[in-house]
């Protein structure tokens, strides 16, 4: 169960980073009507969605890199611990 929860947490990292990047983009970006006026707000909304999607993809990419790095490090650490423990039949 411990291994399952570890893998579940690591698989959730890209989704969490993508959601966080999208939320961050909406917090720093003002409304289109306030930025460019009512005349160009329709075009601005399309660009805003495009940039938000790019932010989310970048956040997911960073989350994937972080999850892969953490998983590699944890697996390497676990294998090293398993290899160092002697078996019961071997003399110490």
PDB file of N, CA and C in Angstrom:
ATOM      1  N   UNK A   1       0.823  -1.190   0.000  1.00  0.00           N
ATOM      2  CA  UNK A   1       0.000   0.000   0.000  1.00  0.00           C
ATOM      3  C   UNK A   1       0.876   1.266   0.000  1.00  0.00           C
ATOM      4  N   UNK A   2       2.010   1.177   0.704  1.00  0.00           N
ATOM      5  CA  UNK A   2       2.911   2.319   0.773  1.00  0.00           C
ATOM      6  C   UNK A   2       3.468   2.653  -0.617  1.00  0.00           C
ATOM      7  N   UNK A   3       3.827   1.620  -1.375  1.00  0.00           N
ATOM      8  CA  UNK A   3       4.356   1.831  -2.721  1.00  0.00           C
ATOM      9  C   UNK A   3       3.281   2.424  -3.628  1.00  0.00           C
ATOM     10  N   UNK A   4       2.044   1.932  -3.490  1.00  0.00           N
ATOM     11  CA  UNK A   4       0.941   2.450  -4.304  1.00  0.00           C
ATOM     12  C   UNK A   4       0.715   3.930  -4.030  1.00  0.00           C
ATOM     13  N   UNK A   5       0.714   4.323  -2.768  1.00  0.00           N
ATOM     14  CA  UNK A   5       0.506   5.734  -2.431  1.00  0.00           C
ATOM     15  C   UNK A   5       1.659   6.607  -2.918  1.00  0.00           C
ATOM     16  N   UNK A   6       2.882   6.073  -2.866  1.00  0.00           N
ATOM     17  CA  UNK A   6       4.019   6.832  -3.368  1.00  0.00           C
ATOM     18  C   UNK A   6       3.884   7.062  -4.871  1.00  0.00           C
ATOM     19  N   UNK A   7       3.525   6.021  -5.604  1.00  0.00           N
ATOM     20  CA  UNK A   7       3.357   6.168  -7.052  1.00  0.00           C
ATOM     21  C   UNK A   7       2.176   7.077  -7.384  1.00  0.00           C
ATOM     22  N   UNK A   8       1.112   6.985  -6.618  1.00  0.00           N
ATOM     23  CA  UNK A   8      -0.046   7.852  -6.839  1.00  0.00           C
ATOM     24  C   UNK A   8       0.326   9.318  -6.625  1.00  0.00           C
ATOM     25  N   UNK A   9       1.089   9.587  -5.577  1.00  0.00           N
ATOM     26  CA  UNK A   9       1.505  10.973  -5.317  1.00  0.00           C
ATOM     27  C   UNK A   9       2.423  11.483  -6.423  1.00  0.00           C
ATOM     28  N   UNK A  10       3.328  10.644  -6.895  1.00  0.00           N
ATOM     29  CA  UNK A  10       4.240  11.077  -7.955  1.00  0.00           C
ATOM     30  C   UNK A  10       3.521  11.262  -9.286  1.00  0.00           C
ATOM     31  N   UNK A  11       2.509  10.450  -9.548  1.00  0.00           N
ATOM     32  CA  UNK A  11       1.743  10.608 -10.792  1.00  0.00           C
ATOM     33  C   UNK A  11       0.849  11.838 -10.748  1.00  0.00           C
ATOM     34  N   UNK A  12       0.486  12.283  -9.552  1.00  0.00           N
ATOM     35  CA  UNK A  12      -0.372  13.456  -9.423  1.00  0.00           C
ATOM     36  C   UNK A  12       0.406  14.760  -9.584  1.00  0.00           C
ATOM     37  N   UNK A  13       1.727  14.711  -9.474  1.00  0.00           N
ATOM     38  CA  UNK A  13       2.523  15.946  -9.577  1.00  0.00           C
ATOM     39  C   UNK A  13       2.311  16.715 -10.877  1.00  0.00           C
ATOM     40  N   UNK A  14       2.349  16.074 -12.056  1.00  0.00           N
ATOM     41  CA  UNK A  14       2.131  16.861 -13.280  1.00  0.00           C
ATOM     42  C   UNK A  14       0.757  17.531 -13.330  1.00  0.00           C
ATOM     43  N   UNK A  15      -0.249  16.843 -12.850  1.00  0.00           N
ATOM     44  CA  UNK A  15      -1.601  17.415 -12.852  1.00  0.00           C
ATOM     45  C   UNK A  15      -1.665  18.606 -11.898  1.00  0.00           C
ATOM     46  N   UNK A  16      -1.056  18.457 -10.739  1.00  0.00           N
ATOM     47  CA  UNK A  16      -1.063  19.550  -9.767  1.00  0.00           C
ATOM     48  C   UNK A  16      -0.278  20.761 -10.269  1.00  0.00           C
ATOM     49  N   UNK A  17       0.863  20.514 -10.888  1.00  0.00           N
ATOM     50  CA  UNK A  17       1.644  21.631 -11.428  1.00  0.00           C
ATOM     51  C   UNK A  17       0.911  22.307 -12.585  1.00  0.00           C
ATOM     52  N   UNK A  18       0.223  21.548 -13.427  1.00  0.00           N
ATOM     53  CA  UNK A  18      -0.541  22.145 -14.527  1.00  0.00           C
ATOM     54  C   UNK A  18      -1.688  22.994 -13.982  1.00  0.00           C
ATOM     55  N   UNK A  19      -2.387  22.472 -12.986  1.00  0.00           N
ATOM     56  CA  UNK A  19      -3.488  23.235 -12.389  1.00  0.00           C
ATOM     57  C   UNK A  19      -2.955  24.484 -11.698  1.00  0.00           C
ATOM     58  N   UNK A  20      -1.831  24.359 -11.024  1.00  0.00           N
ATOM     59  CA  UNK A  20      -1.230  25.516 -10.362  1.00  0.00           C
ATOM     60  C   UNK A  20      -0.776  26.577 -11.349  1.00  0.00           C
ATOM     61  N   UNK A  21      -0.209  26.145 -12.471  1.00  0.00           N
ATOM     62  CA  UNK A  21       0.224  27.113 -13.486  1.00  0.00           C
ATOM     63  C   UNK A  21      -0.977  27.819 -14.102  1.00  0.00           C
ATOM     64  N   UNK A  22      -2.052  27.089 -14.355  1.00  0.00           N
ATOM     65  CA  UNK A  22      -3.259  27.716 -14.884  1.00  0.00           C
ATOM     66  C   UNK A  22      -3.863  28.704 -13.905  1.00  0.00           C
ATOM     67  N   UNK A  23      -3.868  28.346 -12.629  1.00  0.00           N
ATOM     68  CA  UNK A  23      -4.401  29.241 -11.597  1.00  0.00           C
ATOM     69  C   UNK A  23      -3.520  30.489 -11.473  1.00  0.00           C
ATOM     70  N   UNK A  24      -2.206  30.297 -11.514  1.00  0.00           N
ATOM     71  CA  UNK A  24      -1.282  31.431 -11.434  1.00  0.00           C
ATOM     72  C   UNK A  24      -1.493  32.381 -12.613  1.00  0.00           C
ATOM     73  N   UNK A  25      -1.697  31.819 -13.796  1.00  0.00           N
ATOM     74  CA  UNK A  25      -1.919  32.663 -14.971  1.00  0.00           C
ATOM     75  C   UNK A  25      -3.192  33.493 -14.807  1.00  0.00           C
ATOM     76  N   UNK A  26      -4.257  32.897 -14.298  1.00  0.00           N
ATOM     77  CA  UNK A  26      -5.495  33.657 -14.133  1.00  0.00           C
ATOM     78  C   UNK A  26      -5.374  34.713 -13.046  1.00  0.00           C
ATOM     79  N   UNK A  27      -4.489  34.490 -12.071  1.00  0.00           N
ATOM     80  CA  UNK A  27      -4.309  35.492 -11.024  1.00  0.00           C
ATOM     81  C   UNK A  27      -3.484  36.682 -11.519  1.00  0.00           C
ATOM     82  N   UNK A  28      -2.473  36.450 -12.355  1.00  0.00           N
ATOM     83  CA  UNK A  28      -1.638  37.567 -12.799  1.00  0.00           C
ATOM     84  C   UNK A  28      -2.239  38.291 -13.995  1.00  0.00           C
ATOM     85  N   UNK A  29      -3.127  37.629 -14.719  1.00  0.00           N
ATOM     86  CA  UNK A  29      -3.701  38.215 -15.927  1.00  0.00           C
ATOM     87  C   UNK A  29      -5.015  38.913 -15.582  1.00  0.00           C
ATOM     88  N   UNK A  30      -5.155  40.153 -16.013  1.00  0.00           N
ATOM     89  CA  UNK A  30      -6.395  40.880 -15.798  1.00  0.00           C
ATOM     90  C   UNK A  30      -7.456  40.464 -16.805  1.00  0.00           C
ATOM     91  N   UNK A  31      -8.618  41.043 -16.704  1.00  0.00           N
ATOM     92  CA  UNK A  31      -9.675  40.723 -17.653  1.00  0.00           C
ATOM     93  C   UNK A  31      -9.373  41.380 -18.997  1.00  0.00           C
ATOM     94  N   UNK A  32      -9.870  40.781 -20.052  1.00  0.00           N
ATOM     95  CA  UNK A  32      -9.601  41.309 -21.395  1.00  0.00           C
ATOM     96  C   UNK A  32     -10.263  42.663 -21.611  1.00  0.00           C
ATOM     97  N   UNK A  33     -11.452  42.821 -21.082  1.00  0.00           N
ATOM     98  CA  UNK A  33     -12.145  44.094 -21.260  1.00  0.00           C
ATOM     99  C   UNK A  33     -11.402  45.243 -20.618  1.00  0.00           C
ATOM    100  N   UNK A  34     -10.805  44.985 -19.463  1.00  0.00           N
ATOM    101  CA  UNK A  34     -10.050  46.034 -18.776  1.00  0.00           C
ATOM    102  C   UNK A  34      -8.722  46.319 -19.469  1.00  0.00           C
ATOM    103  N   UNK A  35      -8.146  45.312 -20.106  1.00  0.00           N
ATOM    104  CA  UNK A  35      -6.831  45.511 -20.736  1.00  0.00           C
ATOM    105  C   UNK A  35      -6.917  46.216 -22.076  1.00  0.00           C
ATOM    106  N   UNK A  36      -7.830  45.780 -22.962  1.00  0.00           N
ATOM    107  CA  UNK A  36      -7.846  46.313 -24.321  1.00  0.00           C
ATOM    108  C   UNK A  36      -9.139  47.023 -24.687  1.00  0.00           C
ATOM    109  N   UNK A  37     -10.116  47.005 -23.845  1.00  0.00           N
ATOM    110  CA  UNK A  37     -11.381  47.650 -24.145  1.00  0.00           C
ATOM    111  C   UNK A  37     -12.386  46.675 -24.738  1.00  0.00           C
ATOM    112  N   UNK A  38     -13.606  47.140 -24.874  1.00  0.00           N
ATOM    113  CA  UNK A  38     -14.696  46.273 -25.322  1.00  0.00           C
ATOM    114  C   UNK A  38     -14.565  45.873 -26.786  1.00  0.00           C
ATOM    115  N   UNK A  39     -13.935  46.701 -27.587  1.00  0.00           N
ATOM    116  CA  UNK A  39     -13.844  46.441 -29.020  1.00  0.00           C
ATOM    117  C   UNK A  39     -12.989  45.210 -29.335  1.00  0.00           C
ATOM    118  N   UNK A  40     -11.884  45.056 -28.655  1.00  0.00           N
ATOM    119  CA  UNK A  40     -10.958  43.954 -28.950  1.00  0.00           C
ATOM    120  C   UNK A  40     -10.993  42.825 -27.915  1.00  0.00           C
ATOM    121  N   UNK A  41     -11.950  42.852 -27.023  1.00  0.00           N
ATOM    122  CA  UNK A  41     -11.953  41.848 -25.947  1.00  0.00           C
ATOM    123  C   UNK A  41     -12.217  40.434 -26.474  1.00  0.00           C
ATOM    124  N   UNK A  42     -12.940  40.285 -27.575  1.00  0.00           N
ATOM    125  CA  UNK A  42     -13.180  38.953 -28.138  1.00  0.00           C
ATOM    126  C   UNK A  42     -11.899  38.308 -28.640  1.00  0.00           C
ATOM    127  N   UNK A  43     -11.086  39.075 -29.313  1.00  0.00           N
ATOM    128  CA  UNK A  43      -9.810  38.566 -29.802  1.00  0.00           C
ATOM    129  C   UNK A  43      -8.852  38.299 -28.634  1.00  0.00           C
ATOM    130  N   UNK A  44      -8.913  39.154 -27.645  1.00  0.00           N
ATOM    131  CA  UNK A  44      -8.049  39.002 -26.477  1.00  0.00           C
ATOM    132  C   UNK A  44      -8.394  37.733 -25.706  1.00  0.00           C
ATOM    133  N   UNK A  45      -9.672  37.386 -25.628  1.00  0.00           N
ATOM    134  CA  UNK A  45     -10.076  36.181 -24.888  1.00  0.00           C
ATOM    135  C   UNK A  45      -9.490  34.929 -25.523  1.00  0.00           C
ATOM    136  N   UNK A  46      -9.451  34.900 -26.854  1.00  0.00           N
ATOM    137  CA  UNK A  46      -8.849  33.756 -27.538  1.00  0.00           C
ATOM    138  C   UNK A  46      -7.355  33.652 -27.250  1.00  0.00           C
ATOM    139  N   UNK A  47      -6.676  34.780 -27.280  1.00  0.00           N
ATOM    140  CA  UNK A  47      -5.241  34.790 -26.969  1.00  0.00           C
ATOM    141  C   UNK A  47      -5.002  34.401 -25.509  1.00  0.00           C
ATOM    142  N   UNK A  48      -5.875  34.883 -24.648  1.00  0.00           N
ATOM    143  CA  UNK A  48      -5.723  34.581 -23.222  1.00  0.00           C
ATOM    144  C   UNK A  48      -5.862  33.079 -22.972  1.00  0.00           C
ATOM    145  N   UNK A  49      -6.823  32.443 -23.619  1.00  0.00           N
ATOM    146  CA  UNK A  49      -6.974  30.990 -23.482  1.00  0.00           C
ATOM    147  C   UNK A  49      -5.761  30.255 -24.052  1.00  0.00           C
ATOM    148  N   UNK A  50      -5.219  30.770 -25.153  1.00  0.00           N
ATOM    149  CA  UNK A  50      -4.035  30.162 -25.758  1.00  0.00           C
ATOM    150  C   UNK A  50      -2.830  30.247 -24.812  1.00  0.00           C
ATOM    151  N   UNK A  51      -2.623  31.401 -24.207  1.00  0.00           N
ATOM    152  CA  UNK A  51      -1.509  31.562 -23.277  1.00  0.00           C
ATOM    153  C   UNK A  51      -1.714  30.739 -22.012  1.00  0.00           C
ATOM    154  N   UNK A  52      -2.966  30.638 -21.556  1.00  0.00           N
ATOM    155  CA  UNK A  52      -3.235  29.825 -20.373  1.00  0.00           C
ATOM    156  C   UNK A  52      -2.938  28.351 -20.660  1.00  0.00           C
ATOM    157  N   UNK A  53      -3.283  27.900 -21.856  1.00  0.00           N
ATOM    158  CA  UNK A  53      -2.977  26.515 -22.233  1.00  0.00           C
ATOM    159  C   UNK A  53      -1.464  26.297 -22.273  1.00  0.00           C
ATOM    160  N   UNK A  54      -0.722  27.288 -22.763  1.00  0.00           N
ATOM    161  CA  UNK A  54       0.742  27.170 -22.785  1.00  0.00           C
ATOM    162  C   UNK A  54       1.309  27.131 -21.375  1.00  0.00           C
ATOM    163  N   UNK A  55       0.759  27.946 -20.471  1.00  0.00           N
ATOM    164  CA  UNK A  55       1.183  27.909 -19.085  1.00  0.00           C
ATOM    165  C   UNK A  55       0.914  26.534 -18.479  1.00  0.00           C
ATOM    166  N   UNK A  56      -0.250  25.962 -18.758  1.00  0.00           N
ATOM    167  CA  UNK A  56      -0.596  24.657 -18.204  1.00  0.00           C
ATOM    168  C   UNK A  56       0.300  23.558 -18.762  1.00  0.00           C
ATOM    169  N   UNK A  57       0.618  23.611 -20.046  1.00  0.00           N
ATOM    170  CA  UNK A  57       1.514  22.617 -20.643  1.00  0.00           C
ATOM    171  C   UNK A  57       2.906  22.737 -20.036  1.00  0.00           C
ATOM    172  N   UNK A  58       3.370  23.967 -19.844  1.00  0.00           N
ATOM    173  CA  UNK A  58       4.685  24.161 -19.230  1.00  0.00           C
ATOM    174  C   UNK A  58       4.689  23.654 -17.785  1.00  0.00           C
ATOM    175  N   UNK A  59       3.619  23.910 -17.052  1.00  0.00           N
ATOM    176  CA  UNK A  59       3.519  23.406 -15.682  1.00  0.00           C
ATOM    177  C   UNK A  59       3.491  21.890 -15.637  1.00  0.00           C
ATOM    178  N   UNK A  60       2.758  21.284 -16.559  1.00  0.00           N
ATOM    179  CA  UNK A  60       2.713  19.821 -16.614  1.00  0.00           C
ATOM    180  C   UNK A  60       4.071  19.255 -16.994  1.00  0.00           C
ATOM    181  N   UNK A  61       4.765  19.894 -17.916  1.00  0.00           N
ATOM    182  CA  UNK A  61       6.112  19.441 -18.289  1.00  0.00           C
ATOM    183  C   UNK A  61       7.072  19.506 -17.122  1.00  0.00           C
ATOM    184  N   UNK A  62       7.012  20.590 -16.365  1.00  0.00           N
ATOM    185  CA  UNK A  62       7.854  20.698 -15.177  1.00  0.00           C
ATOM    186  C   UNK A  62       7.492  19.634 -14.153  1.00  0.00           C
ATOM    187  N   UNK A  63       6.191  19.371 -13.986  1.00  0.00           N
ATOM    188  CA  UNK A  63       5.757  18.329 -13.055  1.00  0.00           C
ATOM    189  C   UNK A  63       6.231  16.946 -13.480  1.00  0.00           C
ATOM    190  N   UNK A  64       6.228  16.680 -14.775  1.00  0.00           N
ATOM    191  CA  UNK A  64       6.712  15.391 -15.288  1.00  0.00           C
ATOM    192  C   UNK A  64       8.204  15.243 -15.011  1.00  0.00           C
ATOM    193  N   UNK A  65       8.966  16.298 -15.270  1.00  0.00           N
ATOM    194  CA  UNK A  65      10.405  16.240 -14.998  1.00  0.00           C
ATOM    195  C   UNK A  65      10.680  16.040 -13.507  1.00  0.00           C
ATOM    196  N   UNK A  66       9.949  16.745 -12.676  1.00  0.00           N
ATOM    197  CA  UNK A  66      10.131  16.604 -11.235  1.00  0.00           C
ATOM    198  C   UNK A  66       9.746  15.211 -10.757  1.00  0.00           C
ATOM    199  N   UNK A  67       8.624  14.682 -11.245  1.00  0.00           N
ATOM    200  CA  UNK A  67       8.183  13.351 -10.845  1.00  0.00           C
ATOM    201  C   UNK A  67       9.167  12.282 -11.304  1.00  0.00           C
ATOM    202  N   UNK A  68       9.674  12.401 -12.519  1.00  0.00           N
ATOM    203  CA  UNK A  68      10.646  11.417 -13.020  1.00  0.00           C
ATOM    204  C   UNK A  68      11.942  11.469 -12.226  1.00  0.00           C
ATOM    205  N   UNK A  69      12.389  12.669 -11.894  1.00  0.00           N
ATOM    206  CA  UNK A  69      13.611  12.811 -11.100  1.00  0.00           C
ATOM    207  C   UNK A  69      13.431  12.236  -9.705  1.00  0.00           C
ATOM    208  N   UNK A  70      12.318  12.555  -9.061  1.00  0.00           N
ATOM    209  CA  UNK A  70      12.052  12.020  -7.722  1.00  0.00           C
ATOM    210  C   UNK A  70      11.919  10.505  -7.731  1.00  0.00           C
ATOM    211  N   UNK A  71      11.227   9.973  -8.713  1.00  0.00           N
ATOM    212  CA  UNK A  71      11.043   8.522  -8.793  1.00  0.00           C
ATOM    213  C   UNK A  71      12.371   7.816  -9.020  1.00  0.00           C
ATOM    214  N   UNK A  72      13.216   8.364  -9.872  1.00  0.00           N
ATOM    215  CA  UNK A  72      14.527   7.776 -10.115  1.00  0.00           C
ATOM    216  C   UNK A  72      15.373   7.799  -8.846  1.00  0.00           C
ATOM    217  N   UNK A  73      15.358   8.919  -8.149  1.00  0.00           N
ATOM    218  CA  UNK A  73      16.140   9.040  -6.919  1.00  0.00           C
ATOM    219  C   UNK A  73      15.624   8.089  -5.849  1.00  0.00           C
ATOM    220  N   UNK A  74      14.304   8.003  -5.681  1.00  0.00           N
ATOM    221  CA  UNK A  74      13.737   7.105  -4.671  1.00  0.00           C
ATOM    222  C   UNK A  74      14.007   5.643  -4.996  1.00  0.00           C
ATOM    223  N   UNK A  75      13.914   5.292  -6.262  1.00  0.00           N
ATOM    224  CA  UNK A  75      14.172   3.902  -6.657  1.00  0.00           C
ATOM    225  C   UNK A  75      15.646   3.556  -6.465  1.00  0.00           C
ATOM    226  N   UNK A  76      16.530   4.461  -6.797  1.00  0.00           N
ATOM    227  CA  UNK A  76      17.961   4.222  -6.603  1.00  0.00           C
ATOM    228  C   UNK A  76      18.272   4.063  -5.115  1.00  0.00           C
ATOM    229  N   UNK A  77      17.677   4.897  -4.292  1.00  0.00           N
ATOM    230  CA  UNK A  77      17.882   4.814  -2.843  1.00  0.00           C
ATOM    231  C   UNK A  77      17.353   3.498  -2.287  1.00  0.00           C
ATOM    232  N   UNK A  78      16.188   3.060  -2.767  1.00  0.00           N
ATOM    233  CA  UNK A  78      15.595   1.814  -2.291  1.00  0.00           C
ATOM    234  C   UNK A  78      16.445   0.613  -2.691  1.00  0.00           C
ATOM    235  N   UNK A  79      16.948   0.603  -3.919  1.00  0.00           N
ATOM    236  CA  UNK A  79      17.783  -0.512  -4.373  1.00  0.00           C
ATOM    237  C   UNK A  79      19.086  -0.585  -3.593  1.00  0.00           C
ATOM    238  N   UNK A  80      19.653   0.555  -3.268  1.00  0.00           N
ATOM    239  CA  UNK A  80      20.892   0.576  -2.505  1.00  0.00           C
ATOM    240  C   UNK A  80      20.670   0.011  -1.108  1.00  0.00           C
ATOM    241  N   UNK A  81      19.552   0.323  -0.478  1.00  0.00           N
ATOM    242  CA  UNK A  81      19.240  -0.195   0.850  1.00  0.00           C
ATOM    243  C   UNK A  81      18.989  -1.692   0.787  1.00  0.00           C
ATOM    244  N   UNK A  82      18.297  -2.169  -0.244  1.00  0.00           N
ATOM    245  CA  UNK A  82      18.003  -3.587  -0.386  1.00  0.00           C
ATOM    246  C   UNK A  82      19.288  -4.374  -0.619  1.00  0.00           C
ATOM    247  N   UNK A  83      20.210  -3.858  -1.392  1.00  0.00           N
ATOM    248  CA  UNK A  83      21.460  -4.557  -1.676  1.00  0.00           C
ATOM    249  C   UNK A  83      22.385  -4.605  -0.466  1.00  0.00           C
ATOM    250  N   UNK A  84      22.310  -3.652   0.439  1.00  0.00           N
ATOM    251  CA  UNK A  84      23.190  -3.612   1.597  1.00  0.00           C
ATOM    252  C   UNK A  84      22.754  -4.542   2.721  1.00  0.00           C
ATOM    253  N   UNK A  85      21.493  -4.933   2.782  1.00  0.00           N
ATOM    254  CA  UNK A  85      21.034  -5.803   3.864  1.00  0.00           C
ATOM    255  C   UNK A  85      21.457  -7.249   3.575  1.00  0.00           C
ATOM    256  N   UNK A  86      22.172  -7.903   4.525  1.00  0.00           N
ATOM    257  CA  UNK A  86      22.598  -9.296   4.304  1.00  0.00           C
ATOM    258  C   UNK A  86      21.436 -10.265   4.491  1.00  0.00           C
ATOM    259  N   UNK A  87      21.533 -11.412   3.804  1.00  0.00           N
ATOM    260  CA  UNK A  87      20.509 -12.442   3.946  1.00  0.00           C
ATOM    261  C   UNK A  87      20.720 -13.172   5.272  1.00  0.00           C
ATOM    262  N   UNK A  88      19.718 -13.968   5.674  1.00  0.00           N
ATOM    263  CA  UNK A  88      19.808 -14.695   6.939  1.00  0.00           C
ATOM    264  C   UNK A  88      20.830 -15.813   6.875  1.00  0.00           C
ATOM    265  N   UNK A  89      21.025 -16.459   5.740  1.00  0.00           N
ATOM    266  CA  UNK A  89      21.928 -17.592   5.612  1.00  0.00           C
ATOM    267  C   UNK A  89      23.393 -17.217   5.502  1.00  0.00           C
ATOM    268  N   UNK A  90      23.698 -15.964   5.194  1.00  0.00           N
ATOM    269  CA  UNK A  90      25.074 -15.547   5.003  1.00  0.00           C
ATOM    270  C   UNK A  90      25.704 -15.138   6.334  1.00  0.00           C
ATOM    271  N   UNK A  91      26.995 -15.473   6.511  1.00  0.00           N
ATOM    272  CA  UNK A  91      27.664 -15.011   7.744  1.00  0.00           C
ATOM    273  C   UNK A  91      27.922 -13.514   7.693  1.00  0.00           C
ATOM    274  N   UNK A  92      27.885 -12.860   8.832  1.00  0.00           N
ATOM    275  CA  UNK A  92      28.093 -11.407   8.877  1.00  0.00           C
ATOM    276  C   UNK A  92      29.548 -11.060   9.034  1.00  0.00           C
TER     277      UNK A  92
END
